[in-house]
Amino acid sequence: MLRITAIESADVGVRLRVEGRLSGRSVEELRESCDLHALSKGTALTLDLADVSFADVQGIGLLKDLKSRDVALVNLVPFLALQLQDPPGG
C-alpha cells in the first residue's frame, strides 16, 4: 500500500510525502499524483521518500525518470539512495 500526502503546496512548488511500498499499481498511482500536483503545470515538485519501505524495478524506474525531469527526491532511505546513484563515470 502507498500513501501520498501533499504536505506543502504553493504556486511555485509542491512537496509530496510518499509512504509505504512503491510497487505494482502504486507506481502508476505515484506517476498520476505527480502529474496532477505539479508536473503537468510546470510547478516544481519535491518527493519526500523517508517512509518508503520498498520499491520494485518499476518503482525505481519511475523515481529515476522523475529525477531526470528535475523532481527533487529528498530524505532517501539507504536502499533507495543506492539504487538511484548515478553510475561511475556517468
N, C-alpha and C. Protein backbone atom coordinates (compact mmCIF):
# COMPACT_ATOMS: atom_id res chain seq x y z
N MET A 1 0.84 -1.18 0.00
CA MET A 1 0.00 0.00 0.00
C MET A 1 0.89 1.25 0.00
N LEU A 2 0.44 2.26 -0.69
CA LEU A 2 1.18 3.51 -0.78
C LEU A 2 0.28 4.66 -0.37
N ARG A 3 0.84 5.57 0.41
CA ARG A 3 0.11 6.78 0.80
C ARG A 3 0.90 7.97 0.27
N ILE A 4 0.22 8.88 -0.39
CA ILE A 4 0.84 10.09 -0.93
C ILE A 4 0.10 11.28 -0.32
N THR A 5 0.84 12.14 0.37
CA THR A 5 0.23 13.27 1.05
C THR A 5 0.92 14.56 0.62
N ALA A 6 0.15 15.54 0.19
CA ALA A 6 0.71 16.85 -0.10
C ALA A 6 0.93 17.54 1.24
N ILE A 7 2.21 17.80 1.58
CA ILE A 7 2.50 18.42 2.87
C ILE A 7 2.85 19.89 2.72
N GLU A 8 3.18 20.31 1.52
CA GLU A 8 3.40 21.71 1.22
C GLU A 8 2.91 21.95 -0.19
N SER A 9 2.26 23.05 -0.39
CA SER A 9 1.78 23.35 -1.72
C SER A 9 1.75 24.86 -1.91
N ALA A 10 2.25 25.29 -3.04
CA ALA A 10 2.25 26.71 -3.40
C ALA A 10 2.24 26.81 -4.91
N ASP A 11 2.07 28.01 -5.41
CA ASP A 11 2.06 28.19 -6.86
C ASP A 11 3.37 27.78 -7.50
N VAL A 12 4.46 27.92 -6.76
CA VAL A 12 5.78 27.63 -7.33
C VAL A 12 6.29 26.25 -6.99
N GLY A 13 5.69 25.56 -6.03
CA GLY A 13 6.19 24.25 -5.67
C GLY A 13 5.24 23.42 -4.84
N VAL A 14 5.41 22.10 -4.96
CA VAL A 14 4.60 21.14 -4.21
C VAL A 14 5.55 20.12 -3.60
N ARG A 15 5.30 19.76 -2.34
CA ARG A 15 6.07 18.71 -1.67
C ARG A 15 5.11 17.58 -1.33
N LEU A 16 5.44 16.38 -1.79
CA LEU A 16 4.63 15.21 -1.51
C LEU A 16 5.39 14.24 -0.62
N ARG A 17 4.74 13.78 0.44
CA ARG A 17 5.33 12.74 1.29
C ARG A 17 4.81 11.40 0.77
N VAL A 18 5.74 10.49 0.50
CA VAL A 18 5.41 9.17 -0.02
C VAL A 18 5.71 8.15 1.07
N GLU A 19 4.72 7.32 1.41
CA GLU A 19 4.87 6.34 2.48
C GLU A 19 4.41 4.97 2.01
N GLY A 20 5.21 3.94 2.31
CA GLY A 20 4.80 2.58 2.02
C GLY A 20 5.61 1.94 0.91
N ARG A 21 4.96 1.06 0.17
CA ARG A 21 5.61 0.25 -0.86
C ARG A 21 5.34 0.82 -2.25
N LEU A 22 6.39 1.05 -2.98
CA LEU A 22 6.29 1.58 -4.34
C LEU A 22 6.46 0.41 -5.30
N SER A 23 5.34 -0.25 -5.58
CA SER A 23 5.37 -1.43 -6.45
C SER A 23 3.98 -1.65 -7.04
N GLY A 24 3.96 -2.40 -8.14
CA GLY A 24 2.68 -2.73 -8.76
C GLY A 24 1.87 -1.50 -9.13
N ARG A 25 0.62 -1.49 -8.75
CA ARG A 25 -0.31 -0.41 -9.08
C ARG A 25 0.12 0.92 -8.46
N SER A 26 0.82 0.88 -7.34
CA SER A 26 1.19 2.12 -6.66
C SER A 26 2.19 2.95 -7.48
N VAL A 27 2.93 2.31 -8.38
CA VAL A 27 3.86 3.05 -9.23
C VAL A 27 3.07 4.00 -10.13
N GLU A 28 2.02 3.49 -10.75
CA GLU A 28 1.18 4.33 -11.60
C GLU A 28 0.45 5.38 -10.77
N GLU A 29 0.06 5.02 -9.56
CA GLU A 29 -0.61 5.97 -8.66
C GLU A 29 0.31 7.15 -8.36
N LEU A 30 1.60 6.88 -8.10
CA LEU A 30 2.55 7.97 -7.84
C LEU A 30 2.76 8.81 -9.10
N ARG A 31 2.86 8.17 -10.24
CA ARG A 31 3.04 8.90 -11.50
C ARG A 31 1.85 9.85 -11.72
N GLU A 32 0.66 9.36 -11.54
CA GLU A 32 -0.54 10.17 -11.72
C GLU A 32 -0.59 11.32 -10.71
N SER A 33 -0.21 11.03 -9.48
CA SER A 33 -0.22 12.07 -8.45
C SER A 33 0.79 13.17 -8.78
N CYS A 34 1.97 12.79 -9.25
CA CYS A 34 2.97 13.78 -9.64
C CYS A 34 2.45 14.64 -10.78
N ASP A 35 1.84 14.01 -11.75
CA ASP A 35 1.28 14.77 -12.88
C ASP A 35 0.17 15.70 -12.41
N LEU A 36 -0.68 15.21 -11.56
CA LEU A 36 -1.80 16.01 -11.06
C LEU A 36 -1.33 17.20 -10.23
N HIS A 37 -0.38 16.99 -9.34
CA HIS A 37 0.04 18.04 -8.42
C HIS A 37 0.99 19.05 -9.01
N ALA A 38 1.78 18.64 -10.00
CA ALA A 38 2.80 19.61 -10.39
C ALA A 38 3.30 19.47 -11.81
N LEU A 39 3.71 18.29 -12.21
CA LEU A 39 4.47 18.18 -13.45
C LEU A 39 3.72 18.69 -14.67
N SER A 40 2.42 18.46 -14.72
CA SER A 40 1.67 18.90 -15.89
C SER A 40 1.51 20.41 -15.92
N LYS A 41 1.72 21.07 -14.79
CA LYS A 41 1.56 22.53 -14.71
C LYS A 41 2.89 23.26 -14.71
N GLY A 42 3.99 22.52 -14.74
CA GLY A 42 5.30 23.14 -14.70
C GLY A 42 5.70 23.62 -13.32
N THR A 43 5.02 23.15 -12.29
CA THR A 43 5.33 23.53 -10.91
C THR A 43 6.44 22.64 -10.38
N ALA A 44 7.37 23.22 -9.62
CA ALA A 44 8.46 22.44 -9.03
C ALA A 44 7.88 21.39 -8.07
N LEU A 45 8.46 20.20 -8.11
CA LEU A 45 7.95 19.10 -7.30
C LEU A 45 9.07 18.50 -6.47
N THR A 46 8.77 18.24 -5.19
CA THR A 46 9.70 17.56 -4.29
C THR A 46 8.98 16.34 -3.72
N LEU A 47 9.66 15.19 -3.75
CA LEU A 47 9.13 13.99 -3.14
C LEU A 47 9.95 13.68 -1.89
N ASP A 48 9.28 13.57 -0.75
CA ASP A 48 9.90 13.16 0.49
C ASP A 48 9.73 11.65 0.61
N LEU A 49 10.84 10.92 0.50
CA LEU A 49 10.80 9.47 0.41
C LEU A 49 11.26 8.77 1.69
N ALA A 50 11.28 9.47 2.82
CA ALA A 50 11.79 8.91 4.07
C ALA A 50 11.03 7.68 4.53
N ASP A 51 9.76 7.58 4.18
CA ASP A 51 8.93 6.48 4.67
C ASP A 51 8.60 5.44 3.61
N VAL A 52 9.40 5.38 2.56
CA VAL A 52 9.22 4.32 1.55
C VAL A 52 9.94 3.08 2.06
N SER A 53 9.21 1.98 2.20
CA SER A 53 9.77 0.75 2.77
C SER A 53 10.26 -0.22 1.71
N PHE A 54 9.82 -0.04 0.45
CA PHE A 54 10.19 -0.97 -0.62
C PHE A 54 9.90 -0.30 -1.95
N ALA A 55 10.73 -0.60 -2.94
CA ALA A 55 10.46 -0.17 -4.32
C ALA A 55 10.92 -1.27 -5.26
N ASP A 56 10.03 -1.70 -6.16
CA ASP A 56 10.41 -2.71 -7.13
C ASP A 56 11.08 -2.05 -8.33
N VAL A 57 11.38 -2.83 -9.36
CA VAL A 57 12.09 -2.32 -10.53
C VAL A 57 11.31 -1.18 -11.19
N GLN A 58 9.99 -1.31 -11.30
CA GLN A 58 9.19 -0.26 -11.91
C GLN A 58 9.19 1.01 -11.03
N GLY A 59 9.16 0.84 -9.72
CA GLY A 59 9.21 1.97 -8.81
C GLY A 59 10.53 2.72 -8.92
N ILE A 60 11.63 1.98 -8.97
CA ILE A 60 12.94 2.61 -9.13
C ILE A 60 13.00 3.32 -10.48
N GLY A 61 12.46 2.68 -11.51
CA GLY A 61 12.43 3.30 -12.85
C GLY A 61 11.67 4.61 -12.85
N LEU A 62 10.52 4.64 -12.15
CA LEU A 62 9.75 5.88 -12.07
C LEU A 62 10.54 6.96 -11.35
N LEU A 63 11.18 6.62 -10.24
CA LEU A 63 11.96 7.61 -9.50
C LEU A 63 13.11 8.14 -10.34
N LYS A 64 13.76 7.28 -11.10
CA LYS A 64 14.84 7.73 -11.99
C LYS A 64 14.29 8.67 -13.06
N ASP A 65 13.13 8.34 -13.60
CA ASP A 65 12.51 9.21 -14.60
C ASP A 65 12.15 10.56 -14.00
N LEU A 66 11.56 10.55 -12.80
CA LEU A 66 11.20 11.81 -12.15
C LEU A 66 12.44 12.64 -11.85
N LYS A 67 13.50 11.98 -11.38
CA LYS A 67 14.75 12.68 -11.11
C LYS A 67 15.30 13.33 -12.38
N SER A 68 15.21 12.64 -13.51
CA SER A 68 15.70 13.19 -14.77
C SER A 68 14.85 14.37 -15.24
N ARG A 69 13.62 14.48 -14.70
CA ARG A 69 12.72 15.59 -15.02
C ARG A 69 12.79 16.69 -13.97
N ASP A 70 13.89 16.71 -13.21
CA ASP A 70 14.17 17.73 -12.20
C ASP A 70 13.23 17.71 -11.01
N VAL A 71 12.66 16.54 -10.70
CA VAL A 71 11.92 16.40 -9.46
C VAL A 71 12.95 16.16 -8.35
N ALA A 72 12.84 16.91 -7.26
CA ALA A 72 13.76 16.75 -6.14
C ALA A 72 13.31 15.55 -5.31
N LEU A 73 14.23 14.61 -5.11
CA LEU A 73 13.98 13.43 -4.28
C LEU A 73 14.76 13.63 -2.98
N VAL A 74 14.04 13.78 -1.87
CA VAL A 74 14.70 14.08 -0.60
C VAL A 74 14.42 12.99 0.44
N ASN A 75 15.28 12.98 1.47
CA ASN A 75 15.15 12.03 2.58
C ASN A 75 15.12 10.59 2.10
N LEU A 76 16.05 10.29 1.19
CA LEU A 76 16.12 8.94 0.64
C LEU A 76 16.60 7.95 1.71
N VAL A 77 15.90 6.85 1.86
CA VAL A 77 16.38 5.78 2.72
C VAL A 77 17.55 5.11 2.00
N PRO A 78 18.45 4.45 2.73
CA PRO A 78 19.68 3.93 2.11
C PRO A 78 19.47 3.06 0.87
N PHE A 79 18.50 2.15 0.90
CA PHE A 79 18.34 1.27 -0.27
C PHE A 79 17.92 2.06 -1.51
N LEU A 80 17.14 3.13 -1.34
CA LEU A 80 16.77 3.95 -2.49
C LEU A 80 17.94 4.79 -2.97
N ALA A 81 18.69 5.35 -2.04
CA ALA A 81 19.86 6.16 -2.42
C ALA A 81 20.82 5.33 -3.26
N LEU A 82 21.03 4.09 -2.86
CA LEU A 82 21.93 3.21 -3.61
C LEU A 82 21.39 2.93 -5.01
N GLN A 83 20.11 2.65 -5.13
CA GLN A 83 19.50 2.36 -6.43
C GLN A 83 19.48 3.55 -7.37
N LEU A 84 19.44 4.75 -6.81
CA LEU A 84 19.31 5.95 -7.62
C LEU A 84 20.64 6.65 -7.89
N GLN A 85 21.73 6.08 -7.41
CA GLN A 85 23.05 6.67 -7.67
C GLN A 85 23.34 6.65 -9.15
N ASP A 86 24.01 7.71 -9.62
CA ASP A 86 24.47 7.71 -10.99
C ASP A 86 25.60 6.71 -11.11
N PRO A 87 25.67 5.98 -12.22
CA PRO A 87 26.76 5.02 -12.40
C PRO A 87 28.11 5.73 -12.46
N PRO A 88 29.19 5.05 -12.05
CA PRO A 88 30.52 5.68 -12.14
C PRO A 88 30.81 6.17 -13.55
N GLY A 89 31.32 7.37 -13.64
CA GLY A 89 31.63 7.94 -14.95
C GLY A 89 30.43 8.47 -15.68
N GLY A 90 29.23 8.48 -15.05
CA GLY A 90 28.03 8.91 -15.73
C GLY A 90 27.39 9.98 -15.03
